[in-house]
N, C-alpha and C. Protein backbone atom coordinates (compact mmCIF):
# COMPACT_ATOMS: atom_id res chain seq x y z
N UNK A 1 0.82 -1.16 0.00
CA UNK A 1 0.00 0.00 0.00
C UNK A 1 0.88 1.24 0.00
N UNK A 2 0.65 2.09 -0.92
CA UNK A 2 1.43 3.31 -1.01
C UNK A 2 0.69 4.47 -0.39
N UNK A 3 1.49 5.36 0.19
CA UNK A 3 0.91 6.53 0.82
C UNK A 3 1.45 7.76 0.10
N UNK A 4 0.70 8.74 0.02
CA UNK A 4 1.17 9.98 -0.59
C UNK A 4 1.91 10.87 0.40
N UNK A 5 1.98 10.41 1.65
CA UNK A 5 2.67 11.20 2.68
C UNK A 5 4.18 11.12 2.50
N UNK A 6 4.90 12.18 2.86
CA UNK A 6 6.37 12.12 2.79
C UNK A 6 6.88 11.08 3.77
N UNK A 7 8.02 10.46 3.48
CA UNK A 7 8.56 9.45 4.40
C UNK A 7 8.88 10.07 5.76
N UNK A 8 8.82 9.25 6.78
CA UNK A 8 9.17 9.71 8.12
C UNK A 8 10.67 9.92 8.15
N UNK A 9 11.08 11.06 8.67
CA UNK A 9 12.50 11.41 8.74
C UNK A 9 12.78 11.93 10.14
N UNK A 10 13.11 11.02 11.09
CA UNK A 10 13.23 11.45 12.48
C UNK A 10 14.47 12.30 12.80
N UNK A 11 15.49 12.29 11.94
CA UNK A 11 16.74 13.01 12.27
C UNK A 11 16.97 14.20 11.34
N UNK A 12 15.97 15.00 11.18
CA UNK A 12 16.13 16.15 10.29
C UNK A 12 17.27 17.06 10.74
N UNK A 13 17.45 17.17 12.07
CA UNK A 13 18.50 18.07 12.55
C UNK A 13 19.89 17.58 12.15
N UNK A 14 20.06 16.29 11.86
CA UNK A 14 21.37 15.77 11.42
C UNK A 14 21.61 16.07 9.94
N UNK A 15 20.55 16.02 9.17
CA UNK A 15 20.70 16.26 7.74
C UNK A 15 20.70 17.75 7.40
N UNK A 16 19.98 18.51 8.19
CA UNK A 16 19.85 19.93 7.89
C UNK A 16 20.31 20.74 9.10
N UNK A 17 21.56 20.58 9.44
CA UNK A 17 22.07 21.25 10.64
C UNK A 17 22.62 22.63 10.31
N UNK A 18 22.58 23.49 11.32
CA UNK A 18 23.17 24.80 11.16
C UNK A 18 24.67 24.64 11.28
N UNK A 19 25.36 25.08 10.29
CA UNK A 19 26.82 24.99 10.33
C UNK A 19 27.40 25.99 9.34
N UNK A 20 28.68 26.24 9.49
CA UNK A 20 29.38 27.13 8.58
C UNK A 20 30.25 26.30 7.65
N UNK A 21 30.21 26.63 6.40
CA UNK A 21 31.07 25.98 5.42
C UNK A 21 32.43 26.70 5.39
N UNK A 22 33.39 26.07 4.72
CA UNK A 22 34.70 26.68 4.59
C UNK A 22 34.57 28.07 3.97
N UNK A 23 35.37 28.99 4.43
CA UNK A 23 35.47 30.35 3.90
C UNK A 23 34.23 31.21 4.16
N UNK A 24 33.23 30.70 4.87
CA UNK A 24 32.06 31.50 5.20
C UNK A 24 32.38 32.46 6.33
N UNK A 25 31.63 33.53 6.39
CA UNK A 25 31.77 34.48 7.50
C UNK A 25 31.01 33.95 8.70
N UNK A 26 31.58 34.18 9.89
CA UNK A 26 30.94 33.77 11.13
C UNK A 26 30.98 34.96 12.08
N UNK A 27 29.85 35.56 12.35
CA UNK A 27 29.83 36.77 13.18
C UNK A 27 30.17 36.50 14.66
N UNK A 28 30.30 35.25 15.06
CA UNK A 28 30.64 34.92 16.43
C UNK A 28 32.06 35.38 16.79
N UNK A 29 32.95 35.39 15.79
CA UNK A 29 34.35 35.75 16.04
C UNK A 29 34.65 37.15 15.52
N UNK A 30 35.59 37.82 16.16
CA UNK A 30 35.94 39.19 15.81
C UNK A 30 36.44 39.31 14.37
N UNK A 31 37.13 38.28 13.89
CA UNK A 31 37.66 38.35 12.52
C UNK A 31 36.64 37.85 11.49
N UNK A 32 35.44 37.45 11.94
CA UNK A 32 34.36 36.95 11.09
C UNK A 32 34.72 35.70 10.29
N UNK A 33 35.76 34.98 10.69
CA UNK A 33 36.16 33.77 9.96
C UNK A 33 35.56 32.55 10.62
N UNK A 34 34.93 31.69 9.81
CA UNK A 34 34.38 30.44 10.34
C UNK A 34 35.49 29.42 10.57
N UNK A 35 36.50 29.42 9.71
CA UNK A 35 37.61 28.48 9.86
C UNK A 35 38.56 29.00 10.94
N UNK A 36 38.90 28.14 11.90
CA UNK A 36 39.75 28.53 13.01
C UNK A 36 41.08 27.79 12.95
N UNK A 37 42.14 28.43 13.40
CA UNK A 37 43.43 27.76 13.49
C UNK A 37 43.36 26.73 14.61
N UNK A 38 44.06 25.60 14.46
CA UNK A 38 44.08 24.61 15.55
C UNK A 38 44.70 25.22 16.81
N UNK A 39 44.29 24.72 17.94
CA UNK A 39 44.84 25.16 19.22
C UNK A 39 46.33 24.85 19.24
N UNK A 40 47.14 25.73 19.82
CA UNK A 40 48.58 25.50 19.89
C UNK A 40 48.87 24.15 20.51
N UNK A 41 49.80 23.40 19.90
CA UNK A 41 50.16 22.09 20.41
C UNK A 41 49.32 20.96 19.85
N UNK A 42 48.36 21.28 18.97
CA UNK A 42 47.53 20.24 18.37
C UNK A 42 48.38 19.35 17.48
N UNK A 43 48.17 18.05 17.58
CA UNK A 43 48.90 17.08 16.76
C UNK A 43 47.89 16.31 15.94
N UNK A 44 48.14 16.17 14.65
CA UNK A 44 47.23 15.43 13.78
C UNK A 44 47.18 13.96 14.21
N UNK A 45 46.04 13.34 14.02
CA UNK A 45 45.86 11.94 14.41
C UNK A 45 46.93 11.07 13.76
N UNK A 46 47.55 10.22 14.56
CA UNK A 46 48.58 9.31 14.07
C UNK A 46 49.97 9.90 14.02
N UNK A 47 50.12 11.18 14.32
CA UNK A 47 51.43 11.82 14.22
C UNK A 47 52.04 12.16 15.58
N UNK A 48 51.40 11.75 16.67
CA UNK A 48 51.96 12.00 17.99
C UNK A 48 53.15 11.07 18.19
N UNK A 49 54.28 11.65 18.50
CA UNK A 49 55.50 10.87 18.66
C UNK A 49 55.93 10.93 20.12
N UNK A 50 55.13 10.29 20.97
CA UNK A 50 55.39 10.31 22.42
C UNK A 50 56.67 9.60 22.79
N UNK A 51 56.98 8.50 22.10
CA UNK A 51 58.14 7.70 22.45
C UNK A 51 59.39 8.34 21.84
N UNK A 52 60.03 9.18 22.61
CA UNK A 52 61.20 9.93 22.13
C UNK A 52 62.31 8.99 21.67
N UNK A 53 62.57 7.94 22.44
CA UNK A 53 63.65 7.01 22.07
C UNK A 53 63.37 6.38 20.72
N UNK A 54 62.14 5.97 20.49
CA UNK A 54 61.79 5.32 19.23
C UNK A 54 61.91 6.26 18.04
N UNK A 55 61.43 7.48 18.18
CA UNK A 55 61.34 8.40 17.05
C UNK A 55 62.58 9.27 16.83
N UNK A 56 63.41 9.43 17.84
CA UNK A 56 64.59 10.30 17.68
C UNK A 56 65.90 9.62 17.99
N UNK A 57 65.84 8.46 18.66
CA UNK A 57 67.08 7.80 19.06
C UNK A 57 67.70 8.43 20.30
N UNK A 58 66.94 9.29 20.96
CA UNK A 58 67.43 9.98 22.15
C UNK A 58 66.49 9.75 23.33
N UNK A 59 67.03 9.83 24.53
CA UNK A 59 66.20 9.69 25.72
C UNK A 59 65.62 11.05 26.10
N UNK A 60 64.90 11.10 27.21
CA UNK A 60 64.26 12.35 27.64
C UNK A 60 65.27 13.46 27.94
N UNK A 61 66.49 13.07 28.30
CA UNK A 61 67.54 14.06 28.59
C UNK A 61 68.25 14.53 27.32
N UNK A 62 67.86 13.96 26.16
CA UNK A 62 68.47 14.37 24.90
C UNK A 62 69.73 13.60 24.54
N UNK A 63 70.08 12.58 25.33
CA UNK A 63 71.26 11.77 25.03
C UNK A 63 70.86 10.60 24.15
N UNK A 64 71.80 10.12 23.32
CA UNK A 64 71.51 8.98 22.47
C UNK A 64 71.23 7.74 23.30
N UNK A 65 70.24 6.95 22.88
CA UNK A 65 69.94 5.69 23.58
C UNK A 65 71.03 4.68 23.24
N UNK A 66 71.30 3.79 24.19
CA UNK A 66 72.36 2.80 24.01
C UNK A 66 71.99 1.74 22.99
N UNK A 67 70.76 1.25 23.05
CA UNK A 67 70.33 0.10 22.25
C UNK A 67 69.03 0.38 21.51
N UNK A 68 68.76 -0.42 20.49
CA UNK A 68 67.49 -0.38 19.77
C UNK A 68 66.38 -0.52 20.81
N UNK A 69 65.35 0.35 20.79
CA UNK A 69 64.36 0.37 21.87
C UNK A 69 63.26 -0.69 21.80
N UNK A 70 63.50 -1.79 21.13
CA UNK A 70 62.57 -2.91 21.12
C UNK A 70 63.37 -4.17 20.79
N UNK A 71 62.79 -5.36 20.96
CA UNK A 71 63.56 -6.59 20.77
C UNK A 71 64.10 -6.74 19.34
N UNK A 72 65.36 -7.15 19.26
CA UNK A 72 65.99 -7.41 17.97
C UNK A 72 65.77 -8.89 17.66
N UNK A 73 65.01 -9.15 16.60
CA UNK A 73 64.66 -10.51 16.21
C UNK A 73 65.29 -10.83 14.85
N UNK A 74 65.24 -12.09 14.49
CA UNK A 74 65.76 -12.51 13.19
C UNK A 74 65.02 -11.77 12.05
N UNK A 75 63.70 -11.65 12.17
CA UNK A 75 62.93 -10.97 11.11
C UNK A 75 63.31 -9.49 11.03
N UNK A 76 63.62 -8.87 12.17
CA UNK A 76 64.06 -7.48 12.15
C UNK A 76 65.41 -7.36 11.44
N UNK A 77 66.32 -8.29 11.72
CA UNK A 77 67.62 -8.28 11.05
C UNK A 77 67.48 -8.51 9.55
N UNK A 78 66.58 -9.40 9.17
CA UNK A 78 66.36 -9.65 7.74
C UNK A 78 65.78 -8.41 7.05
N UNK A 79 64.87 -7.74 7.73
CA UNK A 79 64.31 -6.49 7.19
C UNK A 79 65.41 -5.44 7.10
N UNK A 80 66.26 -5.38 8.13
CA UNK A 80 67.37 -4.45 8.13
C UNK A 80 68.33 -4.70 6.98
N UNK A 81 68.61 -5.96 6.72
CA UNK A 81 69.49 -6.30 5.59
C UNK A 81 68.86 -5.85 4.27
N UNK A 82 67.58 -6.11 4.11
CA UNK A 82 66.88 -5.72 2.89
C UNK A 82 66.94 -4.20 2.68
N UNK A 83 66.64 -3.43 3.74
CA UNK A 83 66.67 -1.97 3.64
C UNK A 83 68.11 -1.47 3.46
N UNK A 84 69.07 -2.08 4.15
CA UNK A 84 70.47 -1.72 4.02
C UNK A 84 70.92 -1.90 2.57
N UNK A 85 70.55 -3.04 1.98
CA UNK A 85 70.94 -3.30 0.59
C UNK A 85 70.38 -2.25 -0.36
N UNK A 86 69.22 -1.74 -0.05
CA UNK A 86 68.59 -0.72 -0.91
C UNK A 86 69.24 0.65 -0.73
N UNK A 87 69.38 1.09 0.52
CA UNK A 87 69.78 2.47 0.79
C UNK A 87 71.26 2.67 1.10
N UNK A 88 71.95 1.67 1.60
CA UNK A 88 73.28 1.89 2.17
C UNK A 88 74.44 1.30 1.38
N UNK A 89 74.21 0.18 0.68
CA UNK A 89 75.33 -0.51 0.05
C UNK A 89 76.03 0.30 -1.02
N UNK A 90 75.32 1.19 -1.69
CA UNK A 90 75.96 1.94 -2.77
C UNK A 90 77.17 2.73 -2.27
N UNK A 91 77.10 3.19 -1.03
CA UNK A 91 78.24 3.92 -0.45
C UNK A 91 79.05 3.05 0.50
N UNK A 92 78.37 2.37 1.42
CA UNK A 92 79.06 1.66 2.50
C UNK A 92 79.45 0.23 2.15
N UNK A 93 78.98 -0.31 1.03
CA UNK A 93 79.33 -1.65 0.60
C UNK A 93 78.55 -2.73 1.33
N UNK A 94 78.50 -3.91 0.73
CA UNK A 94 77.76 -5.03 1.31
C UNK A 94 78.27 -5.42 2.69
N UNK A 95 79.58 -5.33 2.90
CA UNK A 95 80.17 -5.73 4.18
C UNK A 95 80.27 -4.57 5.17
N UNK A 96 79.86 -3.36 4.75
CA UNK A 96 79.94 -2.21 5.64
C UNK A 96 81.34 -1.64 5.76
N UNK A 97 82.17 -1.94 4.77
CA UNK A 97 83.58 -1.52 4.81
C UNK A 97 83.85 -0.19 4.10
N UNK A 98 82.79 0.46 3.63
CA UNK A 98 82.96 1.76 2.96
C UNK A 98 83.36 1.63 1.50
N UNK A 99 83.27 0.44 0.94
CA UNK A 99 83.69 0.21 -0.45
C UNK A 99 82.50 -0.06 -1.35
N UNK A 100 81.50 0.79 -1.26
CA UNK A 100 80.34 0.67 -2.14
C UNK A 100 80.69 1.06 -3.56
N UNK A 101 79.80 0.76 -4.47
CA UNK A 101 80.07 0.96 -5.91
C UNK A 101 80.39 2.42 -6.26
N UNK A 102 79.73 3.38 -5.62
CA UNK A 102 80.04 4.76 -5.99
C UNK A 102 81.32 5.25 -5.33
N UNK A 103 81.85 4.47 -4.40
CA UNK A 103 83.14 4.83 -3.79
C UNK A 103 84.29 4.22 -4.58
N UNK A 104 84.06 3.06 -5.17
CA UNK A 104 85.15 2.34 -5.85
C UNK A 104 84.99 2.32 -7.36
N UNK A 105 83.80 2.60 -7.86
CA UNK A 105 83.54 2.50 -9.29
C UNK A 105 84.11 3.67 -10.07
N UNK A 106 84.08 3.52 -11.38
CA UNK A 106 84.55 4.59 -12.27
C UNK A 106 83.48 4.90 -13.30
N UNK A 107 83.48 6.10 -13.75
CA UNK A 107 82.52 6.56 -14.75
C UNK A 107 82.86 5.95 -16.10
N UNK A 108 81.86 5.45 -16.80
CA UNK A 108 82.09 4.88 -18.13
C UNK A 108 82.41 5.98 -19.14
N UNK A 109 82.10 7.20 -18.81
CA UNK A 109 82.36 8.32 -19.72
C UNK A 109 83.79 8.85 -19.54
N UNK A 110 84.15 9.15 -18.28
CA UNK A 110 85.46 9.76 -18.04
C UNK A 110 86.52 8.74 -17.66
N UNK A 111 86.11 7.57 -17.20
CA UNK A 111 87.08 6.57 -16.75
C UNK A 111 87.66 6.90 -15.38
N UNK A 112 87.13 7.94 -14.74
CA UNK A 112 87.63 8.35 -13.43
C UNK A 112 86.61 7.98 -12.36
N UNK A 113 87.04 8.07 -11.10
CA UNK A 113 86.14 7.82 -9.98
C UNK A 113 85.03 8.86 -9.95
N UNK A 114 84.03 8.60 -9.16
CA UNK A 114 82.87 9.49 -9.10
C UNK A 114 83.12 10.74 -8.27
N UNK A 115 84.19 10.77 -7.51
CA UNK A 115 84.56 11.98 -6.78
C UNK A 115 83.88 12.17 -5.44
N UNK A 116 83.28 11.12 -4.89
CA UNK A 116 82.63 11.23 -3.59
C UNK A 116 83.66 11.13 -2.46
N UNK A 117 83.38 11.84 -1.40
CA UNK A 117 84.19 11.68 -0.19
C UNK A 117 83.98 10.25 0.29
N UNK A 118 85.04 9.53 0.58
CA UNK A 118 84.88 8.12 0.97
C UNK A 118 83.95 7.92 2.17
N UNK A 119 83.11 6.92 2.06
CA UNK A 119 82.21 6.56 3.17
C UNK A 119 83.04 5.84 4.22
N UNK A 120 82.72 6.06 5.49
CA UNK A 120 83.49 5.37 6.53
C UNK A 120 83.15 3.89 6.61
N UNK A 121 84.09 3.12 7.11
CA UNK A 121 83.81 1.72 7.40
C UNK A 121 83.12 1.64 8.75
N UNK A 122 82.16 0.74 8.86
CA UNK A 122 81.49 0.53 10.14
C UNK A 122 82.38 -0.25 11.11
N UNK A 123 83.49 -0.77 10.61
CA UNK A 123 84.33 -1.65 11.41
C UNK A 123 85.44 -0.90 12.14
N UNK A 124 85.43 0.42 12.06
CA UNK A 124 86.41 1.20 12.81
C UNK A 124 86.03 1.16 14.29
N UNK A 125 87.02 1.30 15.14
CA UNK A 125 86.77 1.28 16.59
C UNK A 125 85.77 2.35 16.98
N UNK A 126 85.89 3.54 16.40
CA UNK A 126 84.99 4.64 16.74
C UNK A 126 83.53 4.26 16.48
N UNK A 127 83.23 3.71 15.30
CA UNK A 127 81.83 3.39 14.98
C UNK A 127 81.34 2.12 15.67
N UNK A 128 82.25 1.24 16.05
CA UNK A 128 81.81 0.08 16.84
C UNK A 128 81.40 0.51 18.24
N UNK A 129 81.93 1.64 18.71
CA UNK A 129 81.66 2.09 20.08
C UNK A 129 80.58 3.15 20.21
N UNK A 130 80.01 3.63 19.10
CA UNK A 130 78.93 4.61 19.20
C UNK A 130 77.65 3.90 19.63
N UNK A 131 76.70 4.66 20.13
CA UNK A 131 75.43 4.08 20.57
C UNK A 131 74.53 3.79 19.37
N UNK A 132 73.55 2.92 19.59
CA UNK A 132 72.57 2.65 18.54
C UNK A 132 71.78 3.92 18.20
N UNK A 133 71.53 4.75 19.21
CA UNK A 133 70.81 6.01 18.98
C UNK A 133 71.56 6.93 18.04
N UNK A 134 72.88 6.95 18.14
CA UNK A 134 73.68 7.77 17.23
C UNK A 134 73.52 7.26 15.80
N UNK A 135 73.63 5.94 15.61
CA UNK A 135 73.48 5.37 14.26
C UNK A 135 72.09 5.68 13.70
N UNK A 136 71.06 5.57 14.55
CA UNK A 136 69.70 5.89 14.13
C UNK A 136 69.63 7.35 13.66
N UNK A 137 70.21 8.25 14.44
CA UNK A 137 70.19 9.67 14.11
C UNK A 137 70.87 9.94 12.77
N UNK A 138 71.97 9.23 12.51
CA UNK A 138 72.67 9.41 11.23
C UNK A 138 71.81 8.91 10.08
N UNK A 139 71.15 7.76 10.24
CA UNK A 139 70.27 7.26 9.19
C UNK A 139 69.15 8.27 8.93
N UNK A 140 68.56 8.79 9.99
CA UNK A 140 67.42 9.70 9.86
C UNK A 140 67.83 11.08 9.34
N UNK A 141 68.90 11.65 9.90
CA UNK A 141 69.23 13.05 9.62
C UNK A 141 70.50 13.27 8.82
N UNK A 142 71.27 12.21 8.61
CA UNK A 142 72.52 12.35 7.87
C UNK A 142 73.62 12.94 8.76
N UNK A 143 74.82 12.96 8.22
CA UNK A 143 75.97 13.54 8.91
C UNK A 143 77.00 13.91 7.85
N UNK A 144 77.61 15.06 8.01
CA UNK A 144 78.58 15.58 7.04
C UNK A 144 78.01 15.47 5.62
N UNK A 145 78.65 14.70 4.73
CA UNK A 145 78.16 14.67 3.34
C UNK A 145 77.13 13.57 3.09
N UNK A 146 76.76 12.81 4.14
CA UNK A 146 75.72 11.79 3.97
C UNK A 146 74.35 12.44 4.17
N UNK A 147 73.43 12.22 3.22
CA UNK A 147 72.09 12.80 3.39
C UNK A 147 71.28 12.03 4.42
N UNK A 148 70.26 12.65 4.96
CA UNK A 148 69.34 11.99 5.87
C UNK A 148 68.29 11.23 5.07
N UNK A 149 67.80 10.14 5.63
CA UNK A 149 66.81 9.31 4.95
C UNK A 149 65.47 9.27 5.67
N UNK A 150 65.20 10.24 6.53
CA UNK A 150 63.95 10.24 7.30
C UNK A 150 62.73 10.26 6.38
N UNK A 151 62.82 10.90 5.23
CA UNK A 151 61.67 10.97 4.33
C UNK A 151 61.44 9.66 3.59
N UNK A 152 62.51 8.87 3.38
CA UNK A 152 62.38 7.64 2.61
C UNK A 152 62.22 6.40 3.48
N UNK A 153 62.80 6.40 4.67
CA UNK A 153 62.84 5.19 5.48
C UNK A 153 61.99 5.38 6.74
N UNK A 154 60.95 4.56 6.93
CA UNK A 154 60.12 4.67 8.13
C UNK A 154 60.91 4.36 9.41
N UNK A 155 60.40 4.80 10.54
CA UNK A 155 61.08 4.70 11.83
C UNK A 155 61.56 3.28 12.13
N UNK A 156 60.68 2.30 12.06
CA UNK A 156 61.08 0.92 12.41
C UNK A 156 62.12 0.38 11.44
N UNK A 157 62.06 0.77 10.19
CA UNK A 157 63.08 0.33 9.23
C UNK A 157 64.43 0.97 9.52
N UNK A 158 64.44 2.20 10.04
CA UNK A 158 65.71 2.82 10.42
C UNK A 158 66.36 2.00 11.53
N UNK A 159 65.54 1.59 12.51
CA UNK A 159 66.07 0.77 13.59
C UNK A 159 66.52 -0.59 13.07
N UNK A 160 65.81 -1.14 12.10
CA UNK A 160 66.20 -2.42 11.51
C UNK A 160 67.58 -2.29 10.85
N UNK A 161 67.82 -1.17 10.18
CA UNK A 161 69.13 -0.94 9.57
C UNK A 161 70.20 -0.85 10.64
N UNK A 162 69.91 -0.16 11.73
CA UNK A 162 70.88 -0.06 12.84
C UNK A 162 71.22 -1.46 13.35
N UNK A 163 70.20 -2.29 13.56
CA UNK A 163 70.43 -3.65 14.06
C UNK A 163 71.28 -4.44 13.07
N UNK A 164 71.03 -4.26 11.78
CA UNK A 164 71.82 -4.99 10.77
C UNK A 164 73.26 -4.49 10.72
N UNK A 165 73.46 -3.19 10.87
CA UNK A 165 74.83 -2.65 10.91
C UNK A 165 75.58 -3.26 12.10
N UNK A 166 74.90 -3.40 13.23
CA UNK A 166 75.53 -4.05 14.39
C UNK A 166 75.89 -5.50 14.06
N UNK A 167 75.03 -6.20 13.33
CA UNK A 167 75.34 -7.57 12.93
C UNK A 167 76.55 -7.60 12.00
N UNK A 168 76.63 -6.66 11.07
CA UNK A 168 77.81 -6.57 10.18
C UNK A 168 79.07 -6.33 11.00
N UNK A 169 78.99 -5.41 11.94
CA UNK A 169 80.16 -5.12 12.78
C UNK A 169 80.60 -6.36 13.54
N UNK A 170 79.64 -7.06 14.09
CA UNK A 170 79.97 -8.26 14.87
C UNK A 170 80.56 -9.34 13.97
N UNK A 171 80.07 -9.44 12.75
CA UNK A 171 80.57 -10.47 11.84
C UNK A 171 82.05 -10.25 11.50
N UNK A 172 82.50 -9.02 11.51
CA UNK A 172 83.88 -8.72 11.15
C UNK A 172 84.79 -8.57 12.37
N UNK A 173 84.21 -8.54 13.55
CA UNK A 173 85.00 -8.31 14.76
C UNK A 173 84.62 -9.26 15.88
N UNK A 174 84.18 -10.46 15.52
CA UNK A 174 83.77 -11.43 16.53
C UNK A 174 84.98 -11.98 17.28
N UNK A 175 84.76 -12.21 18.56
CA UNK A 175 85.79 -12.85 19.39
C UNK A 175 85.38 -14.31 19.59
N UNK A 176 86.31 -15.12 20.02
CA UNK A 176 86.03 -16.54 20.21
C UNK A 176 84.88 -16.75 21.19
N UNK A 177 84.82 -15.94 22.23
CA UNK A 177 83.76 -16.11 23.23
C UNK A 177 82.38 -15.68 22.71
N UNK A 178 82.34 -14.99 21.57
CA UNK A 178 81.06 -14.62 20.96
C UNK A 178 80.40 -15.80 20.25
N UNK A 179 81.20 -16.81 19.91
CA UNK A 179 80.69 -17.93 19.13
C UNK A 179 80.09 -19.01 20.02
N UNK A 180 78.99 -19.62 19.58
CA UNK A 180 78.44 -20.73 20.35
C UNK A 180 79.37 -21.94 20.23
N UNK A 181 79.27 -22.85 21.19
CA UNK A 181 80.13 -24.03 21.20
C UNK A 181 80.04 -24.82 19.91
N UNK A 182 78.84 -24.94 19.34
CA UNK A 182 78.67 -25.72 18.10
C UNK A 182 79.48 -25.10 16.96
N UNK A 183 79.51 -23.79 16.87
CA UNK A 183 80.29 -23.13 15.82
C UNK A 183 81.78 -23.32 16.05
N UNK A 184 82.21 -23.25 17.30
CA UNK A 184 83.62 -23.47 17.61
C UNK A 184 84.05 -24.88 17.22
N UNK A 185 83.21 -25.88 17.51
CA UNK A 185 83.53 -27.26 17.13
C UNK A 185 83.64 -27.39 15.63
N UNK A 186 82.74 -26.75 14.88
CA UNK A 186 82.80 -26.81 13.41
C UNK A 186 84.10 -26.20 12.90
N UNK A 187 84.49 -25.09 13.47
CA UNK A 187 85.73 -24.42 13.06
C UNK A 187 86.92 -25.31 13.36
N UNK A 188 86.95 -25.88 14.56
CA UNK A 188 88.06 -26.76 14.94
C UNK A 188 88.11 -27.99 14.05
N UNK A 189 86.97 -28.57 13.74
CA UNK A 189 86.94 -29.75 12.86
C UNK A 189 87.39 -29.38 11.47
N UNK A 190 86.96 -28.20 11.00
CA UNK A 190 87.35 -27.76 9.65
C UNK A 190 88.83 -27.49 9.58
N UNK A 191 89.43 -26.89 10.61
CA UNK A 191 90.86 -26.60 10.56
C UNK A 191 91.69 -27.86 10.70
N UNK A 192 91.23 -28.85 11.50
CA UNK A 192 91.99 -30.10 11.61
C UNK A 192 91.85 -30.92 10.35
N UNK A 193 90.70 -30.81 9.66
CA UNK A 193 90.53 -31.53 8.39
C UNK A 193 91.46 -30.98 7.33
N UNK A 194 91.73 -29.67 7.38
CA UNK A 194 92.62 -29.06 6.40
C UNK A 194 94.09 -29.42 6.63
N UNK A 195 94.44 -29.74 7.88
CA UNK A 195 95.83 -30.05 8.21
C UNK A 195 96.21 -31.42 7.67
N UNK A 196 95.30 -32.36 7.72
CA UNK A 196 95.62 -33.74 7.32
C UNK A 196 95.78 -33.89 5.84
């Protein structure tokens, strides 16, 4: 059965509410502007960076944090290696020795080097002794002639790169006590097999 009456619409005030559109005048304010500036200190949703250590590599006192601020797992190291291979190897090399392609390569046109200031090796005593927060800061903001990658590399990936750089450093500077017993036995068996 059809009715000629208009449909029931119980929420008219939601559909036809009094409001100001963008750029409209609003006599409530002295400047007559309906659009208002956000209150000082307003942070857009999802952009609050409360965890200073995570987002800056520094603690509340402004000092670099000693370690990556969350657990370092195998998957984090694998992600770090993947990101390192993309962003870092061209200068720092696969092994972190500062012998990336643009440091050692030559131009096919001129036959000369590319002219970049050499990238440092991660295996120097100085860089083995810096904090993880310092390495994070360098990845994010750059240092000297190295550009910052904060726009290209998300926060967690920056930390993943830091963790992978630490793994590279350890791989080139491991001590006997760093190795598990099973690895030591393999090394000993391999060296005795070579002697015979």
